[in-house]
Amino acid sequence: MEKETEDGKVVYDVELKHQGRKYEMDIQENGTLLEIEKEVAAKDVPAITKAVLAKYPGATVKEVMEVNKVKGKEEKPDHYEVTLLTADKKEVEVVVSLDGKSVKKEGEEKAKDKK
């Protein structure tokens, strides 16, 4: 568990494994659950894997996380975060839309939102 500050608010980043599957959660200081990430097998999301490998030829997918936003008691898939090892052996995290049509390096979407 890590304590972070995001947009001036304290958020706890919790990482755990359950039955061999990795999970990550972001929880506000007041206990409000903001986001749940669930590990999924790359073979179970072929459109996502195909989109990432098309943008990063020669790369290897290391991990795929389904990111779900939480509002109240409702959890809704929002996007995927894919960690890959590029052809030149650099680890890169990319954000992929649910339909696989948008693939951006982690941080690119946040920089765009701030403009």
PDB file of N, CA and C in Angstrom:
ATOM      1  N   MET A   1       0.853  -1.163   0.000  1.00  0.00           N
ATOM      2  CA  MET A   1       0.000   0.000   0.000  1.00  0.00           C
ATOM      3  C   MET A   1       0.903   1.230   0.000  1.00  0.00           C
ATOM      4  N   GLU A   2       0.542   2.237  -0.804  1.00  0.00           N
ATOM      5  CA  GLU A   2       1.279   3.490  -0.850  1.00  0.00           C
ATOM      6  C   GLU A   2       0.313   4.647  -0.662  1.00  0.00           C
ATOM      7  N   LYS A   3       0.775   5.667   0.040  1.00  0.00           N
ATOM      8  CA  LYS A   3      -0.005   6.886   0.238  1.00  0.00           C
ATOM      9  C   LYS A   3       0.495   7.903  -0.781  1.00  0.00           C
ATOM     10  N   GLU A   4      -0.427   8.441  -1.596  1.00  0.00           N
ATOM     11  CA  GLU A   4      -0.071   9.397  -2.639  1.00  0.00           C
ATOM     12  C   GLU A   4      -0.965  10.617  -2.530  1.00  0.00           C
ATOM     13  N   THR A   5      -0.571  11.692  -3.196  1.00  0.00           N
ATOM     14  CA  THR A   5      -1.423  12.870  -3.296  1.00  0.00           C
ATOM     15  C   THR A   5      -1.720  13.099  -4.771  1.00  0.00           C
ATOM     16  N   GLU A   6      -3.007  13.094  -5.126  1.00  0.00           N
ATOM     17  CA  GLU A   6      -3.452  13.312  -6.499  1.00  0.00           C
ATOM     18  C   GLU A   6      -4.431  14.475  -6.501  1.00  0.00           C
ATOM     19  N   ASP A   7      -4.126  15.486  -7.281  1.00  0.00           N
ATOM     20  CA  ASP A   7      -4.977  16.682  -7.366  1.00  0.00           C
ATOM     21  C   ASP A   7      -5.266  17.253  -5.982  1.00  0.00           C
ATOM     22  N   GLY A   8      -4.257  17.243  -5.114  1.00  0.00           N
ATOM     23  CA  GLY A   8      -4.397  17.809  -3.774  1.00  0.00           C
ATOM     24  C   GLY A   8      -5.123  16.933  -2.769  1.00  0.00           C
ATOM     25  N   LYS A   9      -5.495  15.718  -3.156  1.00  0.00           N
ATOM     26  CA  LYS A   9      -6.214  14.810  -2.257  1.00  0.00           C
ATOM     27  C   LYS A   9      -5.363  13.584  -1.954  1.00  0.00           C
ATOM     28  N   VAL A  10      -5.457  13.105  -0.719  1.00  0.00           N
ATOM     29  CA  VAL A  10      -4.735  11.895  -0.323  1.00  0.00           C
ATOM     30  C   VAL A  10      -5.460  10.679  -0.899  1.00  0.00           C
ATOM     31  N   VAL A  11      -4.682   9.833  -1.578  1.00  0.00           N
ATOM     32  CA  VAL A  11      -5.220   8.607  -2.170  1.00  0.00           C
ATOM     33  C   VAL A  11      -4.276   7.464  -1.802  1.00  0.00           C
ATOM     34  N   TYR A  12      -4.861   6.342  -1.399  1.00  0.00           N
ATOM     35  CA  TYR A  12      -4.079   5.155  -1.093  1.00  0.00           C
ATOM     36  C   TYR A  12      -4.129   4.220  -2.299  1.00  0.00           C
ATOM     37  N   ASP A  13      -2.962   3.790  -2.732  1.00  0.00           N
ATOM     38  CA  ASP A  13      -2.836   2.851  -3.835  1.00  0.00           C
ATOM     39  C   ASP A  13      -2.572   1.485  -3.212  1.00  0.00           C
ATOM     40  N   VAL A  14      -3.525   0.579  -3.362  1.00  0.00           N
ATOM     41  CA  VAL A  14      -3.430  -0.746  -2.754  1.00  0.00           C
ATOM     42  C   VAL A  14      -3.211  -1.772  -3.859  1.00  0.00           C
ATOM     43  N   GLU A  15      -2.193  -2.616  -3.694  1.00  0.00           N
ATOM     44  CA  GLU A  15      -1.920  -3.682  -4.657  1.00  0.00           C
ATOM     45  C   GLU A  15      -1.971  -5.017  -3.927  1.00  0.00           C
ATOM     46  N   LEU A  16      -2.638  -6.001  -4.558  1.00  0.00           N
ATOM     47  CA  LEU A  16      -2.744  -7.319  -3.943  1.00  0.00           C
ATOM     48  C   LEU A  16      -2.936  -8.389  -4.994  1.00  0.00           C
ATOM     49  N   LYS A  17      -2.773  -9.628  -4.573  1.00  0.00           N
ATOM     50  CA  LYS A  17      -3.030 -10.775  -5.441  1.00  0.00           C
ATOM     51  C   LYS A  17      -4.079 -11.640  -4.771  1.00  0.00           C
ATOM     52  N   HIS A  18      -5.027 -12.125  -5.575  1.00  0.00           N
ATOM     53  CA  HIS A  18      -6.056 -13.028  -5.075  1.00  0.00           C
ATOM     54  C   HIS A  18      -6.191 -14.158  -6.084  1.00  0.00           C
ATOM     55  N   GLN A  19      -6.007 -15.363  -5.634  1.00  0.00           N
ATOM     56  CA  GLN A  19      -6.072 -16.555  -6.479  1.00  0.00           C
ATOM     57  C   GLN A  19      -5.206 -16.393  -7.728  1.00  0.00           C
ATOM     58  N   GLY A  20      -3.988 -15.844  -7.528  1.00  0.00           N
ATOM     59  CA  GLY A  20      -3.023 -15.707  -8.608  1.00  0.00           C
ATOM     60  C   GLY A  20      -3.243 -14.523  -9.535  1.00  0.00           C
ATOM     61  N   ARG A  21      -4.286 -13.749  -9.292  1.00  0.00           N
ATOM     62  CA  ARG A  21      -4.619 -12.600 -10.148  1.00  0.00           C
ATOM     63  C   ARG A  21      -4.280 -11.300  -9.416  1.00  0.00           C
ATOM     64  N   LYS A  22      -3.610 -10.382 -10.110  1.00  0.00           N
ATOM     65  CA  LYS A  22      -3.203  -9.111  -9.524  1.00  0.00           C
ATOM     66  C   LYS A  22      -4.361  -8.097  -9.572  1.00  0.00           C
ATOM     67  N   TYR A  23      -4.499  -7.344  -8.496  1.00  0.00           N
ATOM     68  CA  TYR A  23      -5.493  -6.276  -8.402  1.00  0.00           C
ATOM     69  C   TYR A  23      -4.813  -5.025  -7.864  1.00  0.00           C
ATOM     70  N   GLU A  24      -5.284  -3.866  -8.294  1.00  0.00           N
ATOM     71  CA  GLU A  24      -4.837  -2.590  -7.739  1.00  0.00           C
ATOM     72  C   GLU A  24      -6.072  -1.738  -7.510  1.00  0.00           C
ATOM     73  N   MET A  25      -6.065  -0.973  -6.422  1.00  0.00           N
ATOM     74  CA  MET A  25      -7.203  -0.101  -6.110  1.00  0.00           C
ATOM     75  C   MET A  25      -6.699   1.263  -5.668  1.00  0.00           C
ATOM     76  N   ASP A  26      -7.441   2.294  -6.029  1.00  0.00           N
ATOM     77  CA  ASP A  26      -7.194   3.640  -5.526  1.00  0.00           C
ATOM     78  C   ASP A  26      -8.341   3.989  -4.596  1.00  0.00           C
ATOM     79  N   ILE A  27      -7.987   4.346  -3.350  1.00  0.00           N
ATOM     80  CA  ILE A  27      -8.989   4.630  -2.320  1.00  0.00           C
ATOM     81  C   ILE A  27      -8.674   5.984  -1.699  1.00  0.00           C
ATOM     82  N   GLN A  28      -9.675   6.868  -1.668  1.00  0.00           N
ATOM     83  CA  GLN A  28      -9.486   8.174  -1.035  1.00  0.00           C
ATOM     84  C   GLN A  28      -9.318   7.999   0.466  1.00  0.00           C
ATOM     85  N   GLU A  29      -8.777   9.033   1.103  1.00  0.00           N
ATOM     86  CA  GLU A  29      -8.531   9.009   2.539  1.00  0.00           C
ATOM     87  C   GLU A  29      -9.815   8.747   3.333  1.00  0.00           C
ATOM     88  N   ASN A  30     -10.969   9.197   2.787  1.00  0.00           N
ATOM     89  CA  ASN A  30     -12.237   9.008   3.486  1.00  0.00           C
ATOM     90  C   ASN A  30     -12.851   7.619   3.238  1.00  0.00           C
ATOM     91  N   GLY A  31     -12.135   6.757   2.496  1.00  0.00           N
ATOM     92  CA  GLY A  31     -12.615   5.400   2.251  1.00  0.00           C
ATOM     93  C   GLY A  31     -13.346   5.215   0.930  1.00  0.00           C
ATOM     94  N   THR A  32     -13.533   6.280   0.163  1.00  0.00           N
ATOM     95  CA  THR A  32     -14.225   6.179  -1.128  1.00  0.00           C
ATOM     96  C   THR A  32     -13.341   5.460  -2.140  1.00  0.00           C
ATOM     97  N   LEU A  33     -13.880   4.410  -2.723  1.00  0.00           N
ATOM     98  CA  LEU A  33     -13.176   3.633  -3.737  1.00  0.00           C
ATOM     99  C   LEU A  33     -13.309   4.353  -5.076  1.00  0.00           C
ATOM    100  N   LEU A  34     -12.187   4.677  -5.717  1.00  0.00           N
ATOM    101  CA  LEU A  34     -12.195   5.426  -6.975  1.00  0.00           C
ATOM    102  C   LEU A  34     -12.008   4.544  -8.199  1.00  0.00           C
ATOM    103  N   GLU A  35     -11.118   3.553  -8.063  1.00  0.00           N
ATOM    104  CA  GLU A  35     -10.722   2.782  -9.237  1.00  0.00           C
ATOM    105  C   GLU A  35     -10.273   1.396  -8.813  1.00  0.00           C
ATOM    106  N   ILE A  36     -10.612   0.402  -9.652  1.00  0.00           N
ATOM    107  CA  ILE A  36     -10.154  -0.968  -9.445  1.00  0.00           C
ATOM    108  C   ILE A  36      -9.513  -1.433 -10.748  1.00  0.00           C
ATOM    109  N   GLU A  37      -8.289  -1.928 -10.657  1.00  0.00           N
ATOM    110  CA  GLU A  37      -7.616  -2.508 -11.813  1.00  0.00           C
ATOM    111  C   GLU A  37      -7.523  -4.015 -11.595  1.00  0.00           C
ATOM    112  N   LYS A  38      -7.855  -4.752 -12.657  1.00  0.00           N
ATOM    113  CA  LYS A  38      -7.835  -6.215 -12.573  1.00  0.00           C
ATOM    114  C   LYS A  38      -6.943  -6.760 -13.678  1.00  0.00           C
ATOM    115  N   GLU A  39      -6.052  -7.648 -13.312  1.00  0.00           N
ATOM    116  CA  GLU A  39      -5.183  -8.272 -14.309  1.00  0.00           C
ATOM    117  C   GLU A  39      -6.019  -9.205 -15.189  1.00  0.00           C
ATOM    118  N   VAL A  40      -5.784  -9.115 -16.497  1.00  0.00           N
ATOM    119  CA  VAL A  40      -6.426 -10.027 -17.442  1.00  0.00           C
ATOM    120  C   VAL A  40      -5.342 -10.625 -18.330  1.00  0.00           C
ATOM    121  N   ALA A  41      -5.581 -11.822 -18.798  1.00  0.00           N
ATOM    122  CA  ALA A  41      -4.620 -12.476 -19.689  1.00  0.00           C
ATOM    123  C   ALA A  41      -4.687 -11.814 -21.061  1.00  0.00           C
ATOM    124  N   ALA A  42      -3.529 -11.560 -21.660  1.00  0.00           N
ATOM    125  CA  ALA A  42      -3.472 -10.921 -22.982  1.00  0.00           C
ATOM    126  C   ALA A  42      -4.305 -11.705 -24.004  1.00  0.00           C
ATOM    127  N   LYS A  43      -4.330 -13.028 -23.884  1.00  0.00           N
ATOM    128  CA  LYS A  43      -5.093 -13.856 -24.832  1.00  0.00           C
ATOM    129  C   LYS A  43      -6.601 -13.623 -24.721  1.00  0.00           C
ATOM    130  N   ASP A  44      -7.037 -13.102 -23.567  1.00  0.00           N
ATOM    131  CA  ASP A  44      -8.468 -12.854 -23.362  1.00  0.00           C
ATOM    132  C   ASP A  44      -8.939 -11.516 -23.928  1.00  0.00           C
ATOM    133  N   VAL A  45      -7.993 -10.685 -24.363  1.00  0.00           N
ATOM    134  CA  VAL A  45      -8.337  -9.385 -24.965  1.00  0.00           C
ATOM    135  C   VAL A  45      -7.529  -9.208 -26.255  1.00  0.00           C
ATOM    136  N   PRO A  46      -7.803 -10.064 -27.263  1.00  0.00           N
ATOM    137  CA  PRO A  46      -6.983 -10.055 -28.486  1.00  0.00           C
ATOM    138  C   PRO A  46      -7.002  -8.716 -29.238  1.00  0.00           C
ATOM    139  N   ALA A  47      -8.101  -7.992 -29.224  1.00  0.00           N
ATOM    140  CA  ALA A  47      -8.154  -6.705 -29.928  1.00  0.00           C
ATOM    141  C   ALA A  47      -7.214  -5.693 -29.280  1.00  0.00           C
ATOM    142  N   ILE A  48      -7.117  -5.741 -27.961  1.00  0.00           N
ATOM    143  CA  ILE A  48      -6.238  -4.830 -27.224  1.00  0.00           C
ATOM    144  C   ILE A  48      -4.785  -5.177 -27.527  1.00  0.00           C
ATOM    145  N   THR A  49      -4.449  -6.460 -27.441  1.00  0.00           N
ATOM    146  CA  THR A  49      -3.091  -6.914 -27.713  1.00  0.00           C
ATOM    147  C   THR A  49      -2.688  -6.572 -29.142  1.00  0.00           C
ATOM    148  N   LYS A  50      -3.576  -6.806 -30.087  1.00  0.00           N
ATOM    149  CA  LYS A  50      -3.301  -6.518 -31.506  1.00  0.00           C
ATOM    150  C   LYS A  50      -3.036  -5.028 -31.710  1.00  0.00           C
ATOM    151  N   ALA A  51      -3.831  -4.176 -31.085  1.00  0.00           N
ATOM    152  CA  ALA A  51      -3.674  -2.721 -31.229  1.00  0.00           C
ATOM    153  C   ALA A  51      -2.324  -2.260 -30.671  1.00  0.00           C
ATOM    154  N   VAL A  52      -1.945  -2.788 -29.532  1.00  0.00           N
ATOM    155  CA  VAL A  52      -0.671  -2.401 -28.907  1.00  0.00           C
ATOM    156  C   VAL A  52       0.507  -2.872 -29.759  1.00  0.00           C
ATOM    157  N   LEU A  53       0.459  -4.116 -30.215  1.00  0.00           N
ATOM    158  CA  LEU A  53       1.571  -4.652 -30.994  1.00  0.00           C
ATOM    159  C   LEU A  53       1.665  -4.007 -32.371  1.00  0.00           C
ATOM    160  N   ALA A  54       0.545  -3.492 -32.894  1.00  0.00           N
ATOM    161  CA  ALA A  54       0.579  -2.763 -34.166  1.00  0.00           C
ATOM    162  C   ALA A  54       1.330  -1.439 -33.992  1.00  0.00           C
ATOM    163  N   LYS A  55       1.155  -0.808 -32.857  1.00  0.00           N
ATOM    164  CA  LYS A  55       1.825   0.467 -32.589  1.00  0.00           C
ATOM    165  C   LYS A  55       3.277   0.260 -32.140  1.00  0.00           C
ATOM    166  N   TYR A  56       3.558  -0.882 -31.519  1.00  0.00           N
ATOM    167  CA  TYR A  56       4.901  -1.194 -31.018  1.00  0.00           C
ATOM    168  C   TYR A  56       5.366  -2.532 -31.599  1.00  0.00           C
ATOM    169  N   PRO A  57       5.727  -2.548 -32.891  1.00  0.00           N
ATOM    170  CA  PRO A  57       6.161  -3.804 -33.531  1.00  0.00           C
ATOM    171  C   PRO A  57       7.368  -4.407 -32.807  1.00  0.00           C
ATOM    172  N   GLY A  58       7.338  -5.707 -32.636  1.00  0.00           N
ATOM    173  CA  GLY A  58       8.437  -6.404 -31.984  1.00  0.00           C
ATOM    174  C   GLY A  58       8.376  -6.383 -30.467  1.00  0.00           C
ATOM    175  N   ALA A  59       7.367  -5.733 -29.917  1.00  0.00           N
ATOM    176  CA  ALA A  59       7.228  -5.655 -28.460  1.00  0.00           C
ATOM    177  C   ALA A  59       6.626  -6.945 -27.913  1.00  0.00           C
ATOM    178  N   THR A  60       6.774  -7.129 -26.600  1.00  0.00           N
ATOM    179  CA  THR A  60       6.190  -8.263 -25.892  1.00  0.00           C
ATOM    180  C   THR A  60       5.275  -7.714 -24.806  1.00  0.00           C
ATOM    181  N   VAL A  61       4.056  -8.209 -24.750  1.00  0.00           N
ATOM    182  CA  VAL A  61       3.119  -7.782 -23.715  1.00  0.00           C
ATOM    183  C   VAL A  61       3.484  -8.486 -22.412  1.00  0.00           C
ATOM    184  N   LYS A  62       3.745  -7.687 -21.360  1.00  0.00           N
ATOM    185  CA  LYS A  62       4.089  -8.243 -20.049  1.00  0.00           C
ATOM    186  C   LYS A  62       2.865  -8.363 -19.153  1.00  0.00           C
ATOM    187  N   GLU A  63       1.971  -7.352 -19.220  1.00  0.00           N
ATOM    188  CA  GLU A  63       0.826  -7.330 -18.306  1.00  0.00           C
ATOM    189  C   GLU A  63      -0.296  -6.489 -18.901  1.00  0.00           C
ATOM    190  N   VAL A  64      -1.521  -6.947 -18.710  1.00  0.00           N
ATOM    191  CA  VAL A  64      -2.703  -6.196 -19.119  1.00  0.00           C
ATOM    192  C   VAL A  64      -3.600  -6.030 -17.900  1.00  0.00           C
ATOM    193  N   MET A  65      -3.958  -4.773 -17.626  1.00  0.00           N
ATOM    194  CA  MET A  65      -4.842  -4.470 -16.498  1.00  0.00           C
ATOM    195  C   MET A  65      -6.101  -3.786 -17.033  1.00  0.00           C
ATOM    196  N   GLU A  66      -7.263  -4.307 -16.674  1.00  0.00           N
ATOM    197  CA  GLU A  66      -8.533  -3.669 -16.997  1.00  0.00           C
ATOM    198  C   GLU A  66      -8.788  -2.632 -15.914  1.00  0.00           C
ATOM    199  N   VAL A  67      -8.955  -1.367 -16.308  1.00  0.00           N
ATOM    200  CA  VAL A  67      -9.160  -0.287 -15.350  1.00  0.00           C
ATOM    201  C   VAL A  67     -10.648   0.037 -15.282  1.00  0.00           C
ATOM    202  N   ASN A  68     -11.185  -0.071 -14.073  1.00  0.00           N
ATOM    203  CA  ASN A  68     -12.605   0.181 -13.837  1.00  0.00           C
ATOM    204  C   ASN A  68     -12.760   1.393 -12.931  1.00  0.00           C
ATOM    205  N   LYS A  69     -13.564   2.354 -13.343  1.00  0.00           N
ATOM    206  CA  LYS A  69     -13.868   3.517 -12.509  1.00  0.00           C
ATOM    207  C   LYS A  69     -15.044   3.150 -11.614  1.00  0.00           C
ATOM    208  N   VAL A  70     -15.028   3.655 -10.395  1.00  0.00           N
ATOM    209  CA  VAL A  70     -16.091   3.349  -9.438  1.00  0.00           C
ATOM    210  C   VAL A  70     -16.811   4.641  -9.086  1.00  0.00           C
ATOM    211  N   LYS A  71     -18.144   4.614  -9.246  1.00  0.00           N
ATOM    212  CA  LYS A  71     -18.988   5.734  -8.834  1.00  0.00           C
ATOM    213  C   LYS A  71     -20.088   5.159  -7.961  1.00  0.00           C
ATOM    214  N   GLY A  72     -20.068   5.562  -6.697  1.00  0.00           N
ATOM    215  CA  GLY A  72     -21.029   4.974  -5.753  1.00  0.00           C
ATOM    216  C   GLY A  72     -20.722   3.499  -5.602  1.00  0.00           C
ATOM    217  N   LYS A  73     -21.706   2.658  -5.904  1.00  0.00           N
ATOM    218  CA  LYS A  73     -21.512   1.208  -5.819  1.00  0.00           C
ATOM    219  C   LYS A  73     -21.346   0.580  -7.191  1.00  0.00           C
ATOM    220  N   GLU A  74     -21.269   1.416  -8.234  1.00  0.00           N
ATOM    221  CA  GLU A  74     -21.175   0.912  -9.606  1.00  0.00           C
ATOM    222  C   GLU A  74     -19.740   0.939 -10.110  1.00  0.00           C
ATOM    223  N   GLU A  75     -19.311  -0.193 -10.630  1.00  0.00           N
ATOM    224  CA  GLU A  75     -17.973  -0.354 -11.203  1.00  0.00           C
ATOM    225  C   GLU A  75     -18.134  -0.491 -12.717  1.00  0.00           C
ATOM    226  N   LYS A  76     -17.413   0.353 -13.484  1.00  0.00           N
ATOM    227  CA  LYS A  76     -17.583   0.350 -14.928  1.00  0.00           C
ATOM    228  C   LYS A  76     -16.220   0.353 -15.626  1.00  0.00           C
ATOM    229  N   PRO A  77     -15.995  -0.600 -16.564  1.00  0.00           N
ATOM    230  CA  PRO A  77     -14.735  -0.606 -17.310  1.00  0.00           C
ATOM    231  C   PRO A  77     -14.521   0.734 -18.016  1.00  0.00           C
ATOM    232  N   ASP A  78     -13.268   1.251 -17.941  1.00  0.00           N
ATOM    233  CA  ASP A  78     -12.957   2.550 -18.530  1.00  0.00           C
ATOM    234  C   ASP A  78     -11.895   2.445 -19.627  1.00  0.00           C
ATOM    235  N   HIS A  79     -10.843   1.672 -19.387  1.00  0.00           N
ATOM    236  CA  HIS A  79      -9.772   1.487 -20.360  1.00  0.00           C
ATOM    237  C   HIS A  79      -8.859   0.361 -19.878  1.00  0.00           C
ATOM    238  N   TYR A  80      -7.826   0.078 -20.669  1.00  0.00           N
ATOM    239  CA  TYR A  80      -6.819  -0.915 -20.296  1.00  0.00           C
ATOM    240  C   TYR A  80      -5.472  -0.219 -20.132  1.00  0.00           C
ATOM    241  N   GLU A  81      -4.658  -0.723 -19.207  1.00  0.00           N
ATOM    242  CA  GLU A  81      -3.265  -0.312 -19.093  1.00  0.00           C
ATOM    243  C   GLU A  81      -2.426  -1.536 -19.428  1.00  0.00           C
ATOM    244  N   VAL A  82      -1.570  -1.374 -20.431  1.00  0.00           N
ATOM    245  CA  VAL A  82      -0.760  -2.496 -20.898  1.00  0.00           C
ATOM    246  C   VAL A  82       0.715  -2.165 -20.681  1.00  0.00           C
ATOM    247  N   THR A  83       1.405  -3.048 -19.985  1.00  0.00           N
ATOM    248  CA  THR A  83       2.849  -2.907 -19.797  1.00  0.00           C
ATOM    249  C   THR A  83       3.509  -3.821 -20.804  1.00  0.00           C
ATOM    250  N   LEU A  84       4.455  -3.260 -21.561  1.00  0.00           N
ATOM    251  CA  LEU A  84       5.128  -4.067 -22.566  1.00  0.00           C
ATOM    252  C   LEU A  84       6.624  -3.822 -22.551  1.00  0.00           C
ATOM    253  N   LEU A  85       7.327  -4.747 -23.154  1.00  0.00           N
ATOM    254  CA  LEU A  85       8.760  -4.635 -23.332  1.00  0.00           C
ATOM    255  C   LEU A  85       8.966  -4.401 -24.819  1.00  0.00           C
ATOM    256  N   THR A  86       9.481  -3.209 -25.168  1.00  0.00           N
ATOM    257  CA  THR A  86       9.641  -2.850 -26.579  1.00  0.00           C
ATOM    258  C   THR A  86      10.757  -3.662 -27.218  1.00  0.00           C
ATOM    259  N   ALA A  87      10.838  -3.573 -28.541  1.00  0.00           N
ATOM    260  CA  ALA A  87      11.864  -4.301 -29.291  1.00  0.00           C
ATOM    261  C   ALA A  87      13.265  -3.915 -28.825  1.00  0.00           C
ATOM    262  N   ASP A  88      13.433  -2.661 -28.352  1.00  0.00           N
ATOM    263  CA  ASP A  88      14.745  -2.227 -27.848  1.00  0.00           C
ATOM    264  C   ASP A  88      14.868  -2.413 -26.327  1.00  0.00           C
ATOM    265  N   LYS A  89      14.036  -3.301 -25.776  1.00  0.00           N
ATOM    266  CA  LYS A  89      14.109  -3.749 -24.372  1.00  0.00           C
ATOM    267  C   LYS A  89      13.796  -2.656 -23.344  1.00  0.00           C
ATOM    268  N   LYS A  90      12.944  -1.699 -23.711  1.00  0.00           N
ATOM    269  CA  LYS A  90      12.494  -0.690 -22.755  1.00  0.00           C
ATOM    270  C   LYS A  90      11.095  -1.042 -22.293  1.00  0.00           C
ATOM    271  N   GLU A  91      10.844  -0.892 -20.991  1.00  0.00           N
ATOM    272  CA  GLU A  91       9.508  -1.150 -20.467  1.00  0.00           C
ATOM    273  C   GLU A  91       8.668   0.111 -20.643  1.00  0.00           C
ATOM    274  N   VAL A  92       7.487  -0.057 -21.232  1.00  0.00           N
ATOM    275  CA  VAL A  92       6.588   1.060 -21.516  1.00  0.00           C
ATOM    276  C   VAL A  92       5.191   0.679 -21.050  1.00  0.00           C
ATOM    277  N   GLU A  93       4.482   1.645 -20.455  1.00  0.00           N
ATOM    278  CA  GLU A  93       3.079   1.428 -20.105  1.00  0.00           C
ATOM    279  C   GLU A  93       2.233   2.285 -21.033  1.00  0.00           C
ATOM    280  N   VAL A  94       1.240   1.648 -21.658  1.00  0.00           N
ATOM    281  CA  VAL A  94       0.349   2.366 -22.566  1.00  0.00           C
ATOM    282  C   VAL A  94      -1.090   2.240 -22.084  1.00  0.00           C
ATOM    283  N   VAL A  95      -1.877   3.255 -22.428  1.00  0.00           N
ATOM    284  CA  VAL A  95      -3.298   3.287 -22.100  1.00  0.00           C
ATOM    285  C   VAL A  95      -4.054   3.005 -23.388  1.00  0.00           C
ATOM    286  N   VAL A  96      -4.956   2.030 -23.335  1.00  0.00           N
ATOM    287  CA  VAL A  96      -5.688   1.598 -24.526  1.00  0.00           C
ATOM    288  C   VAL A  96      -7.181   1.714 -24.257  1.00  0.00           C
ATOM    289  N   SER A  97      -7.898   2.311 -25.211  1.00  0.00           N
ATOM    290  CA  SER A  97      -9.350   2.423 -25.073  1.00  0.00           C
ATOM    291  C   SER A  97      -9.974   1.030 -25.093  1.00  0.00           C
ATOM    292  N   LEU A  98     -11.196   0.934 -24.597  1.00  0.00           N
ATOM    293  CA  LEU A  98     -11.873  -0.365 -24.513  1.00  0.00           C
ATOM    294  C   LEU A  98     -12.010  -1.040 -25.876  1.00  0.00           C
ATOM    295  N   ASP A  99     -12.145  -0.239 -26.942  1.00  0.00           N
ATOM    296  CA  ASP A  99     -12.305  -0.807 -28.281  1.00  0.00           C
ATOM    297  C   ASP A  99     -10.964  -1.023 -28.992  1.00  0.00           C
ATOM    298  N   GLY A 100      -9.859  -0.621 -28.366  1.00  0.00           N
ATOM    299  CA  GLY A 100      -8.539  -0.813 -28.955  1.00  0.00           C
ATOM    300  C   GLY A 100      -8.164   0.216 -30.003  1.00  0.00           C
ATOM    301  N   LYS A 101      -9.012   1.216 -30.235  1.00  0.00           N
ATOM    302  CA  LYS A 101      -8.750   2.200 -31.295  1.00  0.00           C
ATOM    303  C   LYS A 101      -7.772   3.292 -30.880  1.00  0.00           C
ATOM    304  N   SER A 102      -7.588   3.495 -29.586  1.00  0.00           N
ATOM    305  CA  SER A 102      -6.669   4.524 -29.094  1.00  0.00           C
ATOM    306  C   SER A 102      -5.608   3.872 -28.226  1.00  0.00           C
ATOM    307  N   VAL A 103      -4.332   4.086 -28.600  1.00  0.00           N
ATOM    308  CA  VAL A 103      -3.199   3.564 -27.840  1.00  0.00           C
ATOM    309  C   VAL A 103      -2.265   4.735 -27.573  1.00  0.00           C
ATOM    310  N   LYS A 104      -2.100   5.106 -26.299  1.00  0.00           N
ATOM    311  CA  LYS A 104      -1.243   6.234 -25.932  1.00  0.00           C
ATOM    312  C   LYS A 104      -0.304   5.824 -24.815  1.00  0.00           C
ATOM    313  N   LYS A 105       0.887   6.389 -24.845  1.00  0.00           N
ATOM    314  CA  LYS A 105       1.831   6.170 -23.757  1.00  0.00           C
ATOM    315  C   LYS A 105       1.246   6.732 -22.483  1.00  0.00           C
ATOM    316  N   GLU A 106       1.474   6.061 -21.357  1.00  0.00           N
ATOM    317  CA  GLU A 106       1.002   6.537 -20.057  1.00  0.00           C
ATOM    318  C   GLU A 106       1.488   7.972 -19.853  1.00  0.00           C
ATOM    319  N   GLY A 107       0.580   8.850 -19.470  1.00  0.00           N
ATOM    320  CA  GLY A 107       0.924  10.252 -19.250  1.00  0.00           C
ATOM    321  C   GLY A 107       0.522  11.148 -20.401  1.00  0.00           C
ATOM    322  N   GLU A 108       0.470  10.630 -21.643  1.00  0.00           N
ATOM    323  CA  GLU A 108       0.084  11.443 -22.797  1.00  0.00           C
ATOM    324  C   GLU A 108      -1.342  11.969 -22.673  1.00  0.00           C
ATOM    325  N   GLU A 109      -2.255  11.100 -22.200  1.00  0.00           N
ATOM    326  CA  GLU A 109      -3.652  11.504 -22.085  1.00  0.00           C
ATOM    327  C   GLU A 109      -3.831  12.545 -20.980  1.00  0.00           C
ATOM    328  N   LYS A 110      -3.029  12.446 -19.921  1.00  0.00           N
ATOM    329  CA  LYS A 110      -3.121  13.411 -18.829  1.00  0.00           C
ATOM    330  C   LYS A 110      -2.566  14.767 -19.255  1.00  0.00           C
ATOM    331  N   ALA A 111      -1.470  14.756 -20.014  1.00  0.00           N
ATOM    332  CA  ALA A 111      -0.871  16.007 -20.505  1.00  0.00           C
ATOM    333  C   ALA A 111      -1.850  16.710 -21.440  1.00  0.00           C
ATOM    334  N   LYS A 112      -2.544  15.944 -22.257  1.00  0.00           N
ATOM    335  CA  LYS A 112      -3.525  16.503 -23.187  1.00  0.00           C
ATOM    336  C   LYS A 112      -4.685  17.136 -22.426  1.00  0.00           C
ATOM    337  N   ASP A 113      -5.148  16.481 -21.345  1.00  0.00           N
ATOM    338  CA  ASP A 113      -6.268  16.991 -20.559  1.00  0.00           C
ATOM    339  C   ASP A 113      -5.933  18.332 -19.890  1.00  0.00           C
ATOM    340  N   LYS A 114      -4.654  18.538 -19.558  1.00  0.00           N
ATOM    341  CA  LYS A 114      -4.257  19.766 -18.862  1.00  0.00           C
ATOM    342  C   LYS A 114      -4.100  20.960 -19.793  1.00  0.00           C
ATOM    343  N   LYS A 115      -4.068  20.712 -21.111  1.00  0.00           N
ATOM    344  CA  LYS A 115      -3.907  21.812 -22.081  1.00  0.00           C
ATOM    345  C   LYS A 115      -5.181  22.582 -22.251  1.00  0.00           C
TER     346      LYS A 115
END
